[in-house]
Amino acid sequence: MSAIHFSPLTAIAVGPAGPPSKLSVGPHSGPSTAIAVTASVTIKESDFQWVLLGLTVPDGIKVKGVVVCYQVVGGNPPTFPKCD
């Protein structure tokens, strides 16, 4: 099994009814393959928002898992980088 790495720089933020007004997505200063997702207001647990990233794989390849690493800044209490 081999790993395929994708750049998240094509990611977009969406909400339940289409483009959100609460999130913005842009490149992060480091590493260069990271994105920063920023909220314009406090996001509550019931405020569903998503970041979509299209993954294109070669023909014949089956995706068996995805690893997402993230860090929440400004939470209470703050969390440290995680991979799920």
PDB file of N, CA and C in Angstrom:
ATOM      1  N   MET A   1       0.856  -1.170   0.000  1.00  0.00           N
ATOM      2  CA  MET A   1       0.000   0.000   0.000  1.00  0.00           C
ATOM      3  C   MET A   1       0.901   1.230   0.000  1.00  0.00           C
ATOM      4  N   SER A   2       0.599   2.179  -0.852  1.00  0.00           N
ATOM      5  CA  SER A   2       1.382   3.402  -0.916  1.00  0.00           C
ATOM      6  C   SER A   2       0.520   4.595  -0.525  1.00  0.00           C
ATOM      7  N   ALA A   3       1.191   5.645  -0.105  1.00  0.00           N
ATOM      8  CA  ALA A   3       0.490   6.871   0.299  1.00  0.00           C
ATOM      9  C   ALA A   3       0.467   7.854  -0.861  1.00  0.00           C
ATOM     10  N   ILE A   4      -0.626   8.554  -1.010  1.00  0.00           N
ATOM     11  CA  ILE A   4      -0.757   9.628  -1.986  1.00  0.00           C
ATOM     12  C   ILE A   4      -0.968  10.902  -1.184  1.00  0.00           C
ATOM     13  N   HIS A   5      -0.155  11.912  -1.416  1.00  0.00           N
ATOM     14  CA  HIS A   5      -0.267  13.167  -0.688  1.00  0.00           C
ATOM     15  C   HIS A   5      -0.968  14.198  -1.556  1.00  0.00           C
ATOM     16  N   PHE A   6      -1.865  14.961  -0.960  1.00  0.00           N
ATOM     17  CA  PHE A   6      -2.627  15.981  -1.669  1.00  0.00           C
ATOM     18  C   PHE A   6      -2.356  17.338  -1.056  1.00  0.00           C
ATOM     19  N   SER A   7      -2.333  18.351  -1.881  1.00  0.00           N
ATOM     20  CA  SER A   7      -2.229  19.711  -1.373  1.00  0.00           C
ATOM     21  C   SER A   7      -3.612  20.175  -0.958  1.00  0.00           C
ATOM     22  N   PRO A   8      -3.754  20.712   0.242  1.00  0.00           N
ATOM     23  CA  PRO A   8      -5.063  21.184   0.673  1.00  0.00           C
ATOM     24  C   PRO A   8      -5.397  22.590   0.173  1.00  0.00           C
ATOM     25  N   LEU A   9      -4.522  23.168  -0.649  1.00  0.00           N
ATOM     26  CA  LEU A   9      -4.704  24.565  -1.054  1.00  0.00           C
ATOM     27  C   LEU A   9      -5.913  24.785  -1.950  1.00  0.00           C
ATOM     28  N   THR A  10      -6.549  23.714  -2.422  1.00  0.00           N
ATOM     29  CA  THR A  10      -7.770  23.850  -3.222  1.00  0.00           C
ATOM     30  C   THR A  10      -9.022  23.706  -2.361  1.00  0.00           C
ATOM     31  N   ALA A  11      -8.866  23.600  -1.050  1.00  0.00           N
ATOM     32  CA  ALA A  11      -9.993  23.407  -0.147  1.00  0.00           C
ATOM     33  C   ALA A  11     -10.925  24.617  -0.164  1.00  0.00           C
ATOM     34  N   ILE A  12     -12.208  24.342   0.036  1.00  0.00           N
ATOM     35  CA  ILE A  12     -13.199  25.403   0.136  1.00  0.00           C
ATOM     36  C   ILE A  12     -14.041  25.161   1.392  1.00  0.00           C
ATOM     37  N   ALA A  13     -14.570  26.217   1.967  1.00  0.00           N
ATOM     38  CA  ALA A  13     -15.438  26.113   3.137  1.00  0.00           C
ATOM     39  C   ALA A  13     -16.886  26.207   2.693  1.00  0.00           C
ATOM     40  N   VAL A  14     -17.728  25.339   3.253  1.00  0.00           N
ATOM     41  CA  VAL A  14     -19.163  25.358   2.951  1.00  0.00           C
ATOM     42  C   VAL A  14     -19.953  25.152   4.231  1.00  0.00           C
ATOM     43  N   GLY A  15     -21.171  25.610   4.219  1.00  0.00           N
ATOM     44  CA  GLY A  15     -22.080  25.423   5.342  1.00  0.00           C
ATOM     45  C   GLY A  15     -23.255  24.573   4.908  1.00  0.00           C
ATOM     46  N   PRO A  16     -24.237  24.391   5.778  1.00  0.00           N
ATOM     47  CA  PRO A  16     -25.380  23.532   5.477  1.00  0.00           C
ATOM     48  C   PRO A  16     -26.173  23.971   4.248  1.00  0.00           C
ATOM     49  N   ALA A  17     -26.229  25.264   3.958  1.00  0.00           N
ATOM     50  CA  ALA A  17     -27.024  25.756   2.831  1.00  0.00           C
ATOM     51  C   ALA A  17     -26.147  26.292   1.703  1.00  0.00           C
ATOM     52  N   GLY A  18     -24.875  25.867   1.642  1.00  0.00           N
ATOM     53  CA  GLY A  18     -23.982  26.361   0.602  1.00  0.00           C
ATOM     54  C   GLY A  18     -22.817  27.102   1.202  1.00  0.00           C
ATOM     55  N   PRO A  19     -22.252  28.053   0.481  1.00  0.00           N
ATOM     56  CA  PRO A  19     -21.080  28.767   0.986  1.00  0.00           C
ATOM     57  C   PRO A  19     -21.360  29.407   2.349  1.00  0.00           C
ATOM     58  N   PRO A  20     -20.462  29.217   3.296  1.00  0.00           N
ATOM     59  CA  PRO A  20     -20.685  29.754   4.635  1.00  0.00           C
ATOM     60  C   PRO A  20     -20.317  31.222   4.738  1.00  0.00           C
ATOM     61  N   SER A  21     -20.878  31.872   5.704  1.00  0.00           N
ATOM     62  CA  SER A  21     -20.461  33.235   5.989  1.00  0.00           C
ATOM     63  C   SER A  21     -19.571  33.271   7.225  1.00  0.00           C
ATOM     64  N   LYS A  22     -19.398  32.121   7.881  1.00  0.00           N
ATOM     65  CA  LYS A  22     -18.663  32.070   9.138  1.00  0.00           C
ATOM     66  C   LYS A  22     -17.212  31.623   8.991  1.00  0.00           C
ATOM     67  N   LEU A  23     -16.847  30.982   7.888  1.00  0.00           N
ATOM     68  CA  LEU A  23     -15.497  30.462   7.714  1.00  0.00           C
ATOM     69  C   LEU A  23     -14.827  31.027   6.475  1.00  0.00           C
ATOM     70  N   SER A  24     -13.513  31.107   6.535  1.00  0.00           N
ATOM     71  CA  SER A  24     -12.720  31.384   5.344  1.00  0.00           C
ATOM     72  C   SER A  24     -11.542  30.419   5.354  1.00  0.00           C
ATOM     73  N   VAL A  25     -11.079  30.035   4.170  1.00  0.00           N
ATOM     74  CA  VAL A  25      -9.979  29.093   4.016  1.00  0.00           C
ATOM     75  C   VAL A  25      -8.900  29.755   3.184  1.00  0.00           C
ATOM     76  N   GLY A  26      -7.667  29.643   3.620  1.00  0.00           N
ATOM     77  CA  GLY A  26      -6.549  30.207   2.872  1.00  0.00           C
ATOM     78  C   GLY A  26      -5.269  29.486   3.215  1.00  0.00           C
ATOM     79  N   PRO A  27      -4.190  29.763   2.511  1.00  0.00           N
ATOM     80  CA  PRO A  27      -2.922  29.098   2.790  1.00  0.00           C
ATOM     81  C   PRO A  27      -2.385  29.482   4.167  1.00  0.00           C
ATOM     82  N   HIS A  28      -1.735  28.538   4.805  1.00  0.00           N
ATOM     83  CA  HIS A  28      -1.089  28.759   6.104  1.00  0.00           C
ATOM     84  C   HIS A  28       0.372  29.082   5.841  1.00  0.00           C
ATOM     85  N   SER A  29       1.000  29.800   6.745  1.00  0.00           N
ATOM     86  CA  SER A  29       2.391  30.219   6.528  1.00  0.00           C
ATOM     87  C   SER A  29       3.380  29.070   6.626  1.00  0.00           C
ATOM     88  N   GLY A  30       3.052  28.005   7.255  1.00  0.00           N
ATOM     89  CA  GLY A  30       3.981  26.884   7.315  1.00  0.00           C
ATOM     90  C   GLY A  30       3.353  25.696   7.998  1.00  0.00           C
ATOM     91  N   PRO A  31       3.491  24.516   7.442  1.00  0.00           N
ATOM     92  CA  PRO A  31       4.188  24.246   6.189  1.00  0.00           C
ATOM     93  C   PRO A  31       3.402  24.770   4.988  1.00  0.00           C
ATOM     94  N   SER A  32       4.048  24.829   3.859  1.00  0.00           N
ATOM     95  CA  SER A  32       3.421  25.421   2.673  1.00  0.00           C
ATOM     96  C   SER A  32       2.255  24.595   2.154  1.00  0.00           C
ATOM     97  N   THR A  33       2.091  23.362   2.618  1.00  0.00           N
ATOM     98  CA  THR A  33       0.978  22.520   2.181  1.00  0.00           C
ATOM     99  C   THR A  33      -0.182  22.550   3.161  1.00  0.00           C
ATOM    100  N   ALA A  34      -0.157  23.456   4.116  1.00  0.00           N
ATOM    101  CA  ALA A  34      -1.218  23.543   5.126  1.00  0.00           C
ATOM    102  C   ALA A  34      -2.166  24.690   4.795  1.00  0.00           C
ATOM    103  N   ILE A  35      -3.389  24.580   5.307  1.00  0.00           N
ATOM    104  CA  ILE A  35      -4.363  25.654   5.157  1.00  0.00           C
ATOM    105  C   ILE A  35      -4.734  26.194   6.534  1.00  0.00           C
ATOM    106  N   ALA A  36      -5.210  27.411   6.545  1.00  0.00           N
ATOM    107  CA  ALA A  36      -5.740  28.016   7.767  1.00  0.00           C
ATOM    108  C   ALA A  36      -7.233  28.206   7.563  1.00  0.00           C
ATOM    109  N   VAL A  37      -8.018  27.689   8.473  1.00  0.00           N
ATOM    110  CA  VAL A  37      -9.471  27.868   8.450  1.00  0.00           C
ATOM    111  C   VAL A  37      -9.785  28.854   9.561  1.00  0.00           C
ATOM    112  N   THR A  38     -10.352  29.989   9.206  1.00  0.00           N
ATOM    113  CA  THR A  38     -10.600  31.061  10.158  1.00  0.00           C
ATOM    114  C   THR A  38     -12.091  31.347  10.245  1.00  0.00           C
ATOM    115  N   ALA A  39     -12.583  31.495  11.470  1.00  0.00           N
ATOM    116  CA  ALA A  39     -13.989  31.824  11.681  1.00  0.00           C
ATOM    117  C   ALA A  39     -14.130  33.319  11.910  1.00  0.00           C
ATOM    118  N   SER A  40     -15.168  33.913  11.322  1.00  0.00           N
ATOM    119  CA  SER A  40     -15.404  35.344  11.501  1.00  0.00           C
ATOM    120  C   SER A  40     -16.181  35.631  12.786  1.00  0.00           C
ATOM    121  N   VAL A  41     -16.821  34.602  13.327  1.00  0.00           N
ATOM    122  CA  VAL A  41     -17.563  34.699  14.588  1.00  0.00           C
ATOM    123  C   VAL A  41     -17.325  33.416  15.372  1.00  0.00           C
ATOM    124  N   THR A  42     -17.765  33.371  16.611  1.00  0.00           N
ATOM    125  CA  THR A  42     -17.655  32.155  17.401  1.00  0.00           C
ATOM    126  C   THR A  42     -18.543  31.074  16.798  1.00  0.00           C
ATOM    127  N   ILE A  43     -17.963  29.899  16.568  1.00  0.00           N
ATOM    128  CA  ILE A  43     -18.703  28.775  16.000  1.00  0.00           C
ATOM    129  C   ILE A  43     -19.154  27.878  17.151  1.00  0.00           C
ATOM    130  N   LYS A  44     -20.444  27.607  17.227  1.00  0.00           N
ATOM    131  CA  LYS A  44     -20.998  26.749  18.271  1.00  0.00           C
ATOM    132  C   LYS A  44     -21.061  25.317  17.773  1.00  0.00           C
ATOM    133  N   GLU A  45     -21.284  24.377  18.685  1.00  0.00           N
ATOM    134  CA  GLU A  45     -21.372  22.968  18.312  1.00  0.00           C
ATOM    135  C   GLU A  45     -22.458  22.713  17.288  1.00  0.00           C
ATOM    136  N   SER A  46     -23.547  23.465  17.326  1.00  0.00           N
ATOM    137  CA  SER A  46     -24.660  23.247  16.403  1.00  0.00           C
ATOM    138  C   SER A  46     -24.507  24.022  15.089  1.00  0.00           C
ATOM    139  N   ASP A  47     -23.441  24.807  14.932  1.00  0.00           N
ATOM    140  CA  ASP A  47     -23.173  25.553  13.692  1.00  0.00           C
ATOM    141  C   ASP A  47     -22.346  24.685  12.753  1.00  0.00           C
ATOM    142  N   PHE A  48     -23.022  23.870  11.967  1.00  0.00           N
ATOM    143  CA  PHE A  48     -22.303  22.942  11.110  1.00  0.00           C
ATOM    144  C   PHE A  48     -21.628  23.678   9.959  1.00  0.00           C
ATOM    145  N   GLN A  49     -20.332  23.497   9.840  1.00  0.00           N
ATOM    146  CA  GLN A  49     -19.518  24.075   8.773  1.00  0.00           C
ATOM    147  C   GLN A  49     -18.536  22.992   8.323  1.00  0.00           C
ATOM    148  N   TRP A  50     -18.194  22.952   7.040  1.00  0.00           N
ATOM    149  CA  TRP A  50     -17.284  21.945   6.517  1.00  0.00           C
ATOM    150  C   TRP A  50     -16.208  22.594   5.666  1.00  0.00           C
ATOM    151  N   VAL A  51     -15.097  21.901   5.545  1.00  0.00           N
ATOM    152  CA  VAL A  51     -14.054  22.252   4.592  1.00  0.00           C
ATOM    153  C   VAL A  51     -13.971  21.082   3.621  1.00  0.00           C
ATOM    154  N   LEU A  52     -14.212  21.358   2.344  1.00  0.00           N
ATOM    155  CA  LEU A  52     -14.199  20.313   1.318  1.00  0.00           C
ATOM    156  C   LEU A  52     -12.883  20.333   0.561  1.00  0.00           C
ATOM    157  N   LEU A  53     -12.366  19.141   0.302  1.00  0.00           N
ATOM    158  CA  LEU A  53     -11.132  18.986  -0.463  1.00  0.00           C
ATOM    159  C   LEU A  53     -11.337  17.838  -1.432  1.00  0.00           C
ATOM    160  N   GLY A  54     -11.305  18.143  -2.720  1.00  0.00           N
ATOM    161  CA  GLY A  54     -11.460  17.102  -3.726  1.00  0.00           C
ATOM    162  C   GLY A  54     -10.194  16.257  -3.833  1.00  0.00           C
ATOM    163  N   LEU A  55     -10.361  14.960  -3.832  1.00  0.00           N
ATOM    164  CA  LEU A  55      -9.232  14.043  -3.967  1.00  0.00           C
ATOM    165  C   LEU A  55      -9.376  13.275  -5.274  1.00  0.00           C
ATOM    166  N   THR A  56      -8.399  13.420  -6.146  1.00  0.00           N
ATOM    167  CA  THR A  56      -8.388  12.706  -7.418  1.00  0.00           C
ATOM    168  C   THR A  56      -7.317  11.635  -7.351  1.00  0.00           C
ATOM    169  N   VAL A  57      -7.702  10.394  -7.583  1.00  0.00           N
ATOM    170  CA  VAL A  57      -6.748   9.291  -7.525  1.00  0.00           C
ATOM    171  C   VAL A  57      -6.653   8.622  -8.894  1.00  0.00           C
ATOM    172  N   PRO A  58      -5.512   8.003  -9.197  1.00  0.00           N
ATOM    173  CA  PRO A  58      -5.367   7.314 -10.482  1.00  0.00           C
ATOM    174  C   PRO A  58      -6.372   6.168 -10.619  1.00  0.00           C
ATOM    175  N   ASP A  59      -6.708   5.815 -11.864  1.00  0.00           N
ATOM    176  CA  ASP A  59      -7.618   4.692 -12.120  1.00  0.00           C
ATOM    177  C   ASP A  59      -7.092   3.424 -11.458  1.00  0.00           C
ATOM    178  N   GLY A  60      -8.001   2.652 -10.910  1.00  0.00           N
ATOM    179  CA  GLY A  60      -7.638   1.379 -10.300  1.00  0.00           C
ATOM    180  C   GLY A  60      -7.199   1.483  -8.847  1.00  0.00           C
ATOM    181  N   ILE A  61      -7.066   2.689  -8.324  1.00  0.00           N
ATOM    182  CA  ILE A  61      -6.650   2.879  -6.930  1.00  0.00           C
ATOM    183  C   ILE A  61      -7.895   2.986  -6.055  1.00  0.00           C
ATOM    184  N   LYS A  62      -7.907   2.249  -4.946  1.00  0.00           N
ATOM    185  CA  LYS A  62      -9.002   2.324  -3.989  1.00  0.00           C
ATOM    186  C   LYS A  62      -8.499   3.020  -2.728  1.00  0.00           C
ATOM    187  N   VAL A  63      -9.260   3.990  -2.240  1.00  0.00           N
ATOM    188  CA  VAL A  63      -8.906   4.706  -1.025  1.00  0.00           C
ATOM    189  C   VAL A  63      -9.408   3.887   0.157  1.00  0.00           C
ATOM    190  N   LYS A  64      -8.478   3.508   1.039  1.00  0.00           N
ATOM    191  CA  LYS A  64      -8.846   2.710   2.210  1.00  0.00           C
ATOM    192  C   LYS A  64      -8.826   3.530   3.486  1.00  0.00           C
ATOM    193  N   GLY A  65      -8.277   4.735   3.447  1.00  0.00           N
ATOM    194  CA  GLY A  65      -8.249   5.578   4.633  1.00  0.00           C
ATOM    195  C   GLY A  65      -7.718   6.954   4.305  1.00  0.00           C
ATOM    196  N   VAL A  66      -8.049   7.899   5.159  1.00  0.00           N
ATOM    197  CA  VAL A  66      -7.594   9.281   5.012  1.00  0.00           C
ATOM    198  C   VAL A  66      -7.097   9.747   6.375  1.00  0.00           C
ATOM    199  N   VAL A  67      -5.938  10.404   6.400  1.00  0.00           N
ATOM    200  CA  VAL A  67      -5.401  10.964   7.631  1.00  0.00           C
ATOM    201  C   VAL A  67      -5.503  12.479   7.536  1.00  0.00           C
ATOM    202  N   VAL A  68      -6.121  13.092   8.538  1.00  0.00           N
ATOM    203  CA  VAL A  68      -6.274  14.539   8.595  1.00  0.00           C
ATOM    204  C   VAL A  68      -5.594  15.016   9.869  1.00  0.00           C
ATOM    205  N   CYS A  69      -4.635  15.930   9.717  1.00  0.00           N
ATOM    206  CA  CYS A  69      -3.970  16.518  10.881  1.00  0.00           C
ATOM    207  C   CYS A  69      -4.504  17.929  11.069  1.00  0.00           C
ATOM    208  N   TYR A  70      -4.762  18.303  12.329  1.00  0.00           N
ATOM    209  CA  TYR A  70      -5.328  19.623  12.574  1.00  0.00           C
ATOM    210  C   TYR A  70      -4.894  20.151  13.930  1.00  0.00           C
ATOM    211  N   GLN A  71      -5.056  21.445  14.095  1.00  0.00           N
ATOM    212  CA  GLN A  71      -4.790  22.106  15.364  1.00  0.00           C
ATOM    213  C   GLN A  71      -5.851  23.177  15.547  1.00  0.00           C
ATOM    214  N   VAL A  72      -6.434  23.241  16.728  1.00  0.00           N
ATOM    215  CA  VAL A  72      -7.411  24.273  17.055  1.00  0.00           C
ATOM    216  C   VAL A  72      -6.697  25.325  17.883  1.00  0.00           C
ATOM    217  N   VAL A  73      -6.740  26.574  17.421  1.00  0.00           N
ATOM    218  CA  VAL A  73      -6.120  27.683  18.141  1.00  0.00           C
ATOM    219  C   VAL A  73      -7.238  28.581  18.651  1.00  0.00           C
ATOM    220  N   GLY A  74      -7.186  28.913  19.924  1.00  0.00           N
ATOM    221  CA  GLY A  74      -8.188  29.809  20.484  1.00  0.00           C
ATOM    222  C   GLY A  74      -9.329  29.091  21.157  1.00  0.00           C
ATOM    223  N   GLY A  75      -9.266  27.759  21.200  1.00  0.00           N
ATOM    224  CA  GLY A  75     -10.310  27.020  21.895  1.00  0.00           C
ATOM    225  C   GLY A  75     -10.136  27.122  23.399  1.00  0.00           C
ATOM    226  N   ASN A  76     -11.083  26.612  24.121  1.00  0.00           N
ATOM    227  CA  ASN A  76     -10.999  26.651  25.573  1.00  0.00           C
ATOM    228  C   ASN A  76     -11.213  25.249  26.112  1.00  0.00           C
ATOM    229  N   PRO A  77     -10.240  24.496  26.552  1.00  0.00           N
ATOM    230  CA  PRO A  77      -8.818  24.837  26.535  1.00  0.00           C
ATOM    231  C   PRO A  77      -8.240  24.618  25.142  1.00  0.00           C
ATOM    232  N   PRO A  78      -7.085  25.233  24.828  1.00  0.00           N
ATOM    233  CA  PRO A  78      -6.478  25.032  23.513  1.00  0.00           C
ATOM    234  C   PRO A  78      -6.086  23.583  23.321  1.00  0.00           C
ATOM    235  N   THR A  79      -6.137  23.116  22.077  1.00  0.00           N
ATOM    236  CA  THR A  79      -5.727  21.748  21.782  1.00  0.00           C
ATOM    237  C   THR A  79      -4.414  21.780  21.010  1.00  0.00           C
ATOM    238  N   PHE A  80      -3.762  20.650  20.987  1.00  0.00           N
ATOM    239  CA  PHE A  80      -2.482  20.526  20.303  1.00  0.00           C
ATOM    240  C   PHE A  80      -2.678  19.786  18.987  1.00  0.00           C
ATOM    241  N   PRO A  81      -1.699  19.838  18.070  1.00  0.00           N
ATOM    242  CA  PRO A  81      -1.887  19.178  16.767  1.00  0.00           C
ATOM    243  C   PRO A  81      -2.303  17.731  16.924  1.00  0.00           C
ATOM    244  N   LYS A  82      -3.263  17.311  16.094  1.00  0.00           N
ATOM    245  CA  LYS A  82      -3.778  15.957  16.137  1.00  0.00           C
ATOM    246  C   LYS A  82      -3.852  15.407  14.713  1.00  0.00           C
ATOM    247  N   CYS A  83      -3.803  14.114  14.598  1.00  0.00           N
ATOM    248  CA  CYS A  83      -4.049  13.433  13.337  1.00  0.00           C
ATOM    249  C   CYS A  83      -5.140  12.411  13.566  1.00  0.00           C
ATOM    250  N   ASP A  84      -6.186  12.465  12.757  1.00  0.00           N
ATOM    251  CA  ASP A  84      -7.304  11.499  12.854  1.00  0.00           C
ATOM    252  C   ASP A  84      -7.418  10.724  11.560  1.00  0.00           C
TER     253      ASP A  84
END
